[in-house]
Amino acid sequence: MMIKLKEHRDEYLSIFNQSEEERSRTEKIRLDKQEQDNYNKQQILTQFEKKVQAEVDTRISNEDELRKYLETKFVHFHE
């Protein structure tokens, strides 16, 4: 995170030393880069949520199977 902040700070400092045209071009590049970073973060979060949901589904399935197994054993033991 600190690296990103330093990069953005350096970009802003360099913007003040450039012409107006270069500033607008650099600002557009910076915004595009920031948009891409946000998109990448969103993709990472989406993948993480899918993995968490898959893990939850697996654990619920395993819990149900174990519960059914124990109920069956209990019924047979009771008989």
PDB file of N, CA and C in Angstrom:
ATOM      1  N   MET A   1       0.820  -1.179   0.000  1.00  0.00           N
ATOM      2  CA  MET A   1       0.000   0.000   0.000  1.00  0.00           C
ATOM      3  C   MET A   1       0.868   1.248   0.000  1.00  0.00           C
ATOM      4  N   MET A   2       1.946   1.219   0.778  1.00  0.00           N
ATOM      5  CA  MET A   2       2.848   2.373   0.821  1.00  0.00           C
ATOM      6  C   MET A   2       3.500   2.604  -0.535  1.00  0.00           C
ATOM      7  N   ILE A   3       3.787   1.535  -1.235  1.00  0.00           N
ATOM      8  CA  ILE A   3       4.411   1.663  -2.551  1.00  0.00           C
ATOM      9  C   ILE A   3       3.463   2.399  -3.491  1.00  0.00           C
ATOM     10  N   LYS A   4       2.189   2.028  -3.445  1.00  0.00           N
ATOM     11  CA  LYS A   4       1.193   2.683  -4.295  1.00  0.00           C
ATOM     12  C   LYS A   4       1.084   4.163  -3.944  1.00  0.00           C
ATOM     13  N   LEU A   5       1.082   4.475  -2.656  1.00  0.00           N
ATOM     14  CA  LEU A   5       0.994   5.869  -2.239  1.00  0.00           C
ATOM     15  C   LEU A   5       2.210   6.668  -2.721  1.00  0.00           C
ATOM     16  N   LYS A   6       3.382   6.066  -2.627  1.00  0.00           N
ATOM     17  CA  LYS A   6       4.587   6.745  -3.102  1.00  0.00           C
ATOM     18  C   LYS A   6       4.535   6.957  -4.611  1.00  0.00           C
ATOM     19  N   GLU A   7       4.041   5.953  -5.325  1.00  0.00           N
ATOM     20  CA  GLU A   7       3.908   6.089  -6.776  1.00  0.00           C
ATOM     21  C   GLU A   7       2.977   7.242  -7.128  1.00  0.00           C
ATOM     22  N   HIS A   8       1.841   7.296  -6.460  1.00  0.00           N
ATOM     23  CA  HIS A   8       0.875   8.362  -6.726  1.00  0.00           C
ATOM     24  C   HIS A   8       1.455   9.728  -6.354  1.00  0.00           C
ATOM     25  N   ARG A   9       2.191   9.797  -5.255  1.00  0.00           N
ATOM     26  CA  ARG A   9       2.811  11.056  -4.849  1.00  0.00           C
ATOM     27  C   ARG A   9       3.823  11.503  -5.903  1.00  0.00           C
ATOM     28  N   ASP A  10       4.643  10.574  -6.353  1.00  0.00           N
ATOM     29  CA  ASP A  10       5.637  10.898  -7.377  1.00  0.00           C
ATOM     30  C   ASP A  10       4.977  11.350  -8.674  1.00  0.00           C
ATOM     31  N   GLU A  11       3.881  10.703  -9.021  1.00  0.00           N
ATOM     32  CA  GLU A  11       3.148  11.104 -10.225  1.00  0.00           C
ATOM     33  C   GLU A  11       2.623  12.528 -10.089  1.00  0.00           C
ATOM     34  N   TYR A  12       2.062  12.855  -8.936  1.00  0.00           N
ATOM     35  CA  TYR A  12       1.536  14.199  -8.729  1.00  0.00           C
ATOM     36  C   TYR A  12       2.649  15.246  -8.742  1.00  0.00           C
ATOM     37  N   LEU A  13       3.781  14.922  -8.156  1.00  0.00           N
ATOM     38  CA  LEU A  13       4.898  15.862  -8.169  1.00  0.00           C
ATOM     39  C   LEU A  13       5.417  16.103  -9.580  1.00  0.00           C
ATOM     40  N   SER A  14       5.468  15.062 -10.357  1.00  0.00           N
ATOM     41  CA  SER A  14       5.948  15.214 -11.728  1.00  0.00           C
ATOM     42  C   SER A  14       4.946  15.974 -12.590  1.00  0.00           C
ATOM     43  N   ILE A  15       3.654  15.881 -12.263  1.00  0.00           N
ATOM     44  CA  ILE A  15       2.623  16.589 -13.028  1.00  0.00           C
ATOM     45  C   ILE A  15       2.831  18.099 -12.940  1.00  0.00           C
ATOM     46  N   PHE A  16       3.214  18.608 -11.788  1.00  0.00           N
ATOM     47  CA  PHE A  16       3.371  20.043 -11.611  1.00  0.00           C
ATOM     48  C   PHE A  16       4.538  20.613 -12.411  1.00  0.00           C
ATOM     49  N   ASN A  17       5.444  19.771 -12.835  1.00  0.00           N
ATOM     50  CA  ASN A  17       6.609  20.222 -13.590  1.00  0.00           C
ATOM     51  C   ASN A  17       6.432  20.078 -15.095  1.00  0.00           C
ATOM     52  N   GLN A  18       5.269  19.741 -15.557  1.00  0.00           N
ATOM     53  CA  GLN A  18       5.043  19.489 -16.971  1.00  0.00           C
ATOM     54  C   GLN A  18       4.113  20.541 -17.571  1.00  0.00           C
ATOM     55  N   SER A  19       4.049  20.567 -18.876  1.00  0.00           N
ATOM     56  CA  SER A  19       3.147  21.495 -19.555  1.00  0.00           C
ATOM     57  C   SER A  19       1.704  21.041 -19.377  1.00  0.00           C
ATOM     58  N   GLU A  20       0.783  21.906 -19.737  1.00  0.00           N
ATOM     59  CA  GLU A  20      -0.649  21.610 -19.572  1.00  0.00           C
ATOM     60  C   GLU A  20      -1.062  20.377 -20.377  1.00  0.00           C
ATOM     61  N   GLU A  21      -0.567  20.265 -21.578  1.00  0.00           N
ATOM     62  CA  GLU A  21      -0.911  19.106 -22.414  1.00  0.00           C
ATOM     63  C   GLU A  21      -0.364  17.822 -21.806  1.00  0.00           C
ATOM     64  N   GLU A  22       0.851  17.878 -21.354  1.00  0.00           N
ATOM     65  CA  GLU A  22       1.455  16.716 -20.724  1.00  0.00           C
ATOM     66  C   GLU A  22       0.735  16.375 -19.423  1.00  0.00           C
ATOM     67  N   ARG A  23       0.285  17.386 -18.717  1.00  0.00           N
ATOM     68  CA  ARG A  23      -0.467  17.147 -17.472  1.00  0.00           C
ATOM     69  C   ARG A  23      -1.754  16.396 -17.743  1.00  0.00           C
ATOM     70  N   SER A  24      -2.488  16.855 -18.751  1.00  0.00           N
ATOM     71  CA  SER A  24      -3.757  16.184 -19.045  1.00  0.00           C
ATOM     72  C   SER A  24      -3.526  14.754 -19.518  1.00  0.00           C
ATOM     73  N   ARG A  25      -2.496  14.547 -20.332  1.00  0.00           N
ATOM     74  CA  ARG A  25      -2.179  13.192 -20.808  1.00  0.00           C
ATOM     75  C   ARG A  25      -1.748  12.302 -19.633  1.00  0.00           C
ATOM     76  N   THR A  26      -0.913  12.837 -18.780  1.00  0.00           N
ATOM     77  CA  THR A  26      -0.449  12.077 -17.621  1.00  0.00           C
ATOM     78  C   THR A  26      -1.609  11.781 -16.670  1.00  0.00           C
ATOM     79  N   GLU A  27      -2.497  12.751 -16.494  1.00  0.00           N
ATOM     80  CA  GLU A  27      -3.662  12.543 -15.625  1.00  0.00           C
ATOM     81  C   GLU A  27      -4.565  11.446 -16.177  1.00  0.00           C
ATOM     82  N   LYS A  28      -4.746  11.434 -17.499  1.00  0.00           N
ATOM     83  CA  LYS A  28      -5.561  10.381 -18.112  1.00  0.00           C
ATOM     84  C   LYS A  28      -4.912   9.015 -17.910  1.00  0.00           C
ATOM     85  N   ILE A  29      -3.612   8.939 -18.076  1.00  0.00           N
ATOM     86  CA  ILE A  29      -2.895   7.677 -17.862  1.00  0.00           C
ATOM     87  C   ILE A  29      -3.041   7.234 -16.408  1.00  0.00           C
ATOM     88  N   ARG A  30      -2.908   8.179 -15.505  1.00  0.00           N
ATOM     89  CA  ARG A  30      -3.028   7.860 -14.078  1.00  0.00           C
ATOM     90  C   ARG A  30      -4.431   7.350 -13.759  1.00  0.00           C
ATOM     91  N   LEU A  31      -5.444   8.011 -14.321  1.00  0.00           N
ATOM     92  CA  LEU A  31      -6.816   7.578 -14.075  1.00  0.00           C
ATOM     93  C   LEU A  31      -7.085   6.201 -14.671  1.00  0.00           C
ATOM     94  N   ASP A  32      -6.536   5.965 -15.850  1.00  0.00           N
ATOM     95  CA  ASP A  32      -6.685   4.642 -16.461  1.00  0.00           C
ATOM     96  C   ASP A  32      -6.004   3.568 -15.612  1.00  0.00           C
ATOM     97  N   LYS A  33      -4.834   3.897 -15.116  1.00  0.00           N
ATOM     98  CA  LYS A  33      -4.108   2.957 -14.259  1.00  0.00           C
ATOM     99  C   LYS A  33      -4.884   2.691 -12.971  1.00  0.00           C
ATOM    100  N   GLN A  34      -5.429   3.738 -12.393  1.00  0.00           N
ATOM    101  CA  GLN A  34      -6.214   3.585 -11.173  1.00  0.00           C
ATOM    102  C   GLN A  34      -7.475   2.758 -11.431  1.00  0.00           C
ATOM    103  N   GLU A  35      -8.103   2.999 -12.564  1.00  0.00           N
ATOM    104  CA  GLU A  35      -9.294   2.224 -12.924  1.00  0.00           C
ATOM    105  C   GLU A  35      -8.944   0.750 -13.103  1.00  0.00           C
ATOM    106  N   GLN A  36      -7.808   0.479 -13.731  1.00  0.00           N
ATOM    107  CA  GLN A  36      -7.369  -0.908 -13.918  1.00  0.00           C
ATOM    108  C   GLN A  36      -7.062  -1.559 -12.573  1.00  0.00           C
ATOM    109  N   ASP A  37      -6.422  -0.808 -11.677  1.00  0.00           N
ATOM    110  CA  ASP A  37      -6.141  -1.334 -10.335  1.00  0.00           C
ATOM    111  C   ASP A  37      -7.440  -1.675  -9.601  1.00  0.00           C
ATOM    112  N   ASN A  38      -8.410  -0.799  -9.699  1.00  0.00           N
ATOM    113  CA  ASN A  38      -9.705  -1.052  -9.060  1.00  0.00           C
ATOM    114  C   ASN A  38     -10.385  -2.276  -9.658  1.00  0.00           C
ATOM    115  N   TYR A  39     -10.296  -2.408 -10.972  1.00  0.00           N
ATOM    116  CA  TYR A  39     -10.874  -3.578 -11.636  1.00  0.00           C
ATOM    117  C   TYR A  39     -10.192  -4.859 -11.149  1.00  0.00           C
ATOM    118  N   ASN A  40      -8.863  -4.817 -11.057  1.00  0.00           N
ATOM    119  CA  ASN A  40      -8.120  -5.992 -10.590  1.00  0.00           C
ATOM    120  C   ASN A  40      -8.494  -6.344  -9.152  1.00  0.00           C
ATOM    121  N   LYS A  41      -8.625  -5.337  -8.305  1.00  0.00           N
ATOM    122  CA  LYS A  41      -9.032  -5.582  -6.919  1.00  0.00           C
ATOM    123  C   LYS A  41     -10.422  -6.210  -6.874  1.00  0.00           C
ATOM    124  N   GLN A  42     -11.321  -5.711  -7.711  1.00  0.00           N
ATOM    125  CA  GLN A  42     -12.673  -6.264  -7.742  1.00  0.00           C
ATOM    126  C   GLN A  42     -12.658  -7.714  -8.197  1.00  0.00           C
ATOM    127  N   GLN A  43     -11.817  -8.030  -9.178  1.00  0.00           N
ATOM    128  CA  GLN A  43     -11.697  -9.409  -9.651  1.00  0.00           C
ATOM    129  C   GLN A  43     -11.157 -10.320  -8.546  1.00  0.00           C
ATOM    130  N   ILE A  44     -10.175  -9.832  -7.808  1.00  0.00           N
ATOM    131  CA  ILE A  44      -9.613 -10.614  -6.705  1.00  0.00           C
ATOM    132  C   ILE A  44     -10.678 -10.871  -5.650  1.00  0.00           C
ATOM    133  N   LEU A  45     -11.450  -9.834  -5.317  1.00  0.00           N
ATOM    134  CA  LEU A  45     -12.519 -10.002  -4.331  1.00  0.00           C
ATOM    135  C   LEU A  45     -13.576 -10.985  -4.816  1.00  0.00           C
ATOM    136  N   THR A  46     -13.925 -10.910  -6.084  1.00  0.00           N
ATOM    137  CA  THR A  46     -14.921 -11.823  -6.645  1.00  0.00           C
ATOM    138  C   THR A  46     -14.424 -13.264  -6.571  1.00  0.00           C
ATOM    139  N   GLN A  47     -13.169 -13.484  -6.943  1.00  0.00           N
ATOM    140  CA  GLN A  47     -12.598 -14.830  -6.865  1.00  0.00           C
ATOM    141  C   GLN A  47     -12.552 -15.328  -5.427  1.00  0.00           C
ATOM    142  N   PHE A  48     -12.194 -14.442  -4.515  1.00  0.00           N
ATOM    143  CA  PHE A  48     -12.137 -14.817  -3.109  1.00  0.00           C
ATOM    144  C   PHE A  48     -13.522 -15.201  -2.598  1.00  0.00           C
ATOM    145  N   GLU A  49     -14.540 -14.405  -2.960  1.00  0.00           N
ATOM    146  CA  GLU A  49     -15.906 -14.713  -2.536  1.00  0.00           C
ATOM    147  C   GLU A  49     -16.363 -16.059  -3.085  1.00  0.00           C
ATOM    148  N   LYS A  50     -16.001 -16.358  -4.336  1.00  0.00           N
ATOM    149  CA  LYS A  50     -16.367 -17.654  -4.918  1.00  0.00           C
ATOM    150  C   LYS A  50     -15.698 -18.797  -4.171  1.00  0.00           C
ATOM    151  N   LYS A  51     -14.416 -18.617  -3.816  1.00  0.00           N
ATOM    152  CA  LYS A  51     -13.707 -19.666  -3.083  1.00  0.00           C
ATOM    153  C   LYS A  51     -14.303 -19.853  -1.693  1.00  0.00           C
ATOM    154  N   VAL A  52     -14.659 -18.772  -1.043  1.00  0.00           N
ATOM    155  CA  VAL A  52     -15.265 -18.871   0.284  1.00  0.00           C
ATOM    156  C   VAL A  52     -16.609 -19.584   0.176  1.00  0.00           C
ATOM    157  N   GLN A  53     -17.409 -19.226  -0.822  1.00  0.00           N
ATOM    158  CA  GLN A  53     -18.714 -19.868  -0.990  1.00  0.00           C
ATOM    159  C   GLN A  53     -18.550 -21.354  -1.289  1.00  0.00           C
ATOM    160  N   ALA A  54     -17.564 -21.704  -2.103  1.00  0.00           N
ATOM    161  CA  ALA A  54     -17.318 -23.117  -2.395  1.00  0.00           C
ATOM    162  C   ALA A  54     -16.915 -23.866  -1.128  1.00  0.00           C
ATOM    163  N   GLU A  55     -16.091 -23.247  -0.302  1.00  0.00           N
ATOM    164  CA  GLU A  55     -15.675 -23.871   0.960  1.00  0.00           C
ATOM    165  C   GLU A  55     -16.867 -24.042   1.896  1.00  0.00           C
ATOM    166  N   VAL A  56     -17.723 -23.022   1.967  1.00  0.00           N
ATOM    167  CA  VAL A  56     -18.918 -23.105   2.810  1.00  0.00           C
ATOM    168  C   VAL A  56     -19.816 -24.231   2.330  1.00  0.00           C
ATOM    169  N   ASP A  57     -20.029 -24.308   1.019  1.00  0.00           N
ATOM    170  CA  ASP A  57     -20.867 -25.372   0.463  1.00  0.00           C
ATOM    171  C   ASP A  57     -20.286 -26.748   0.775  1.00  0.00           C
ATOM    172  N   THR A  58     -18.974 -26.893   0.649  1.00  0.00           N
ATOM    173  CA  THR A  58     -18.324 -28.172   0.933  1.00  0.00           C
ATOM    174  C   THR A  58     -18.496 -28.554   2.393  1.00  0.00           C
ATOM    175  N   ARG A  59     -18.287 -27.599   3.279  1.00  0.00           N
ATOM    176  CA  ARG A  59     -18.413 -27.896   4.709  1.00  0.00           C
ATOM    177  C   ARG A  59     -19.851 -28.240   5.081  1.00  0.00           C
ATOM    178  N   ILE A  60     -20.796 -27.540   4.507  1.00  0.00           N
ATOM    179  CA  ILE A  60     -22.207 -27.852   4.782  1.00  0.00           C
ATOM    180  C   ILE A  60     -22.528 -29.254   4.284  1.00  0.00           C
ATOM    181  N   SER A  61     -22.048 -29.588   3.093  1.00  0.00           N
ATOM    182  CA  SER A  61     -22.282 -30.919   2.531  1.00  0.00           C
ATOM    183  C   SER A  61     -21.662 -31.994   3.427  1.00  0.00           C
ATOM    184  N   ASN A  62     -20.427 -31.758   3.849  1.00  0.00           N
ATOM    185  CA  ASN A  62     -19.757 -32.733   4.722  1.00  0.00           C
ATOM    186  C   ASN A  62     -20.495 -32.880   6.050  1.00  0.00           C
ATOM    187  N   GLU A  63     -20.963 -31.771   6.579  1.00  0.00           N
ATOM    188  CA  GLU A  63     -21.702 -31.807   7.843  1.00  0.00           C
ATOM    189  C   GLU A  63     -22.998 -32.596   7.691  1.00  0.00           C
ATOM    190  N   ASP A  64     -23.702 -32.387   6.580  1.00  0.00           N
ATOM    191  CA  ASP A  64     -24.942 -33.134   6.335  1.00  0.00           C
ATOM    192  C   ASP A  64     -24.666 -34.625   6.177  1.00  0.00           C
ATOM    193  N   GLU A  65     -23.604 -34.970   5.457  1.00  0.00           N
ATOM    194  CA  GLU A  65     -23.265 -36.381   5.285  1.00  0.00           C
ATOM    195  C   GLU A  65     -22.911 -37.029   6.621  1.00  0.00           C
ATOM    196  N   LEU A  66     -22.152 -36.319   7.438  1.00  0.00           N
ATOM    197  CA  LEU A  66     -21.780 -36.841   8.740  1.00  0.00           C
ATOM    198  C   LEU A  66     -23.016 -37.008   9.633  1.00  0.00           C
ATOM    199  N   ARG A  67     -23.906 -36.031   9.585  1.00  0.00           N
ATOM    200  CA  ARG A  67     -25.131 -36.109  10.382  1.00  0.00           C
ATOM    201  C   ARG A  67     -25.971 -37.318   9.955  1.00  0.00           C
ATOM    202  N   LYS A  68     -26.127 -37.529   8.655  1.00  0.00           N
ATOM    203  CA  LYS A  68     -26.890 -38.677   8.161  1.00  0.00           C
ATOM    204  C   LYS A  68     -26.221 -39.987   8.566  1.00  0.00           C
ATOM    205  N   TYR A  69     -24.902 -40.037   8.484  1.00  0.00           N
ATOM    206  CA  TYR A  69     -24.165 -41.232   8.862  1.00  0.00           C
ATOM    207  C   TYR A  69     -24.383 -41.551  10.344  1.00  0.00           C
ATOM    208  N   LEU A  70     -24.271 -40.513  11.191  1.00  0.00           N
ATOM    209  CA  LEU A  70     -24.450 -40.732  12.625  1.00  0.00           C
ATOM    210  C   LEU A  70     -25.893 -41.112  12.961  1.00  0.00           C
ATOM    211  N   GLU A  71     -26.852 -40.521  12.274  1.00  0.00           N
ATOM    212  CA  GLU A  71     -28.253 -40.882  12.501  1.00  0.00           C
ATOM    213  C   GLU A  71     -28.491 -42.344  12.129  1.00  0.00           C
ATOM    214  N   THR A  72     -27.904 -42.759  11.009  1.00  0.00           N
ATOM    215  CA  THR A  72     -28.053 -44.150  10.579  1.00  0.00           C
ATOM    216  C   THR A  72     -27.418 -45.092  11.594  1.00  0.00           C
ATOM    217  N   LYS A  73     -26.233 -44.768  12.052  1.00  0.00           N
ATOM    218  CA  LYS A  73     -25.569 -45.591  13.058  1.00  0.00           C
ATOM    219  C   LYS A  73     -26.390 -45.641  14.348  1.00  0.00           C
ATOM    220  N   PHE A  74     -26.946 -44.524  14.735  1.00  0.00           N
ATOM    221  CA  PHE A  74     -27.750 -44.474  15.945  1.00  0.00           C
ATOM    222  C   PHE A  74     -29.008 -45.334  15.802  1.00  0.00           C
ATOM    223  N   VAL A  75     -29.648 -45.258  14.635  1.00  0.00           N
ATOM    224  CA  VAL A  75     -30.849 -46.067  14.388  1.00  0.00           C
ATOM    225  C   VAL A  75     -30.497 -47.548  14.432  1.00  0.00           C
ATOM    226  N   HIS A  76     -29.403 -47.950  13.792  1.00  0.00           N
ATOM    227  CA  HIS A  76     -29.006 -49.348  13.817  1.00  0.00           C
ATOM    228  C   HIS A  76     -28.598 -49.794  15.224  1.00  0.00           C
ATOM    229  N   PHE A  77     -27.968 -48.926  15.941  1.00  0.00           N
ATOM    230  CA  PHE A  77     -27.586 -49.234  17.315  1.00  0.00           C
ATOM    231  C   PHE A  77     -28.836 -49.382  18.193  1.00  0.00           C
ATOM    232  N   HIS A  78     -29.810 -48.536  17.940  1.00  0.00           N
ATOM    233  CA  HIS A  78     -31.060 -48.549  18.720  1.00  0.00           C
ATOM    234  C   HIS A  78     -31.849 -49.846  18.454  1.00  0.00           C
ATOM    235  N   GLU A  79     -31.773 -50.340  17.223  1.00  0.00           N
ATOM    236  CA  GLU A  79     -32.497 -51.572  16.874  1.00  0.00           C
ATOM    237  C   GLU A  79     -31.803 -52.742  17.514  1.00  0.00           C
TER     238      GLU A  79
END
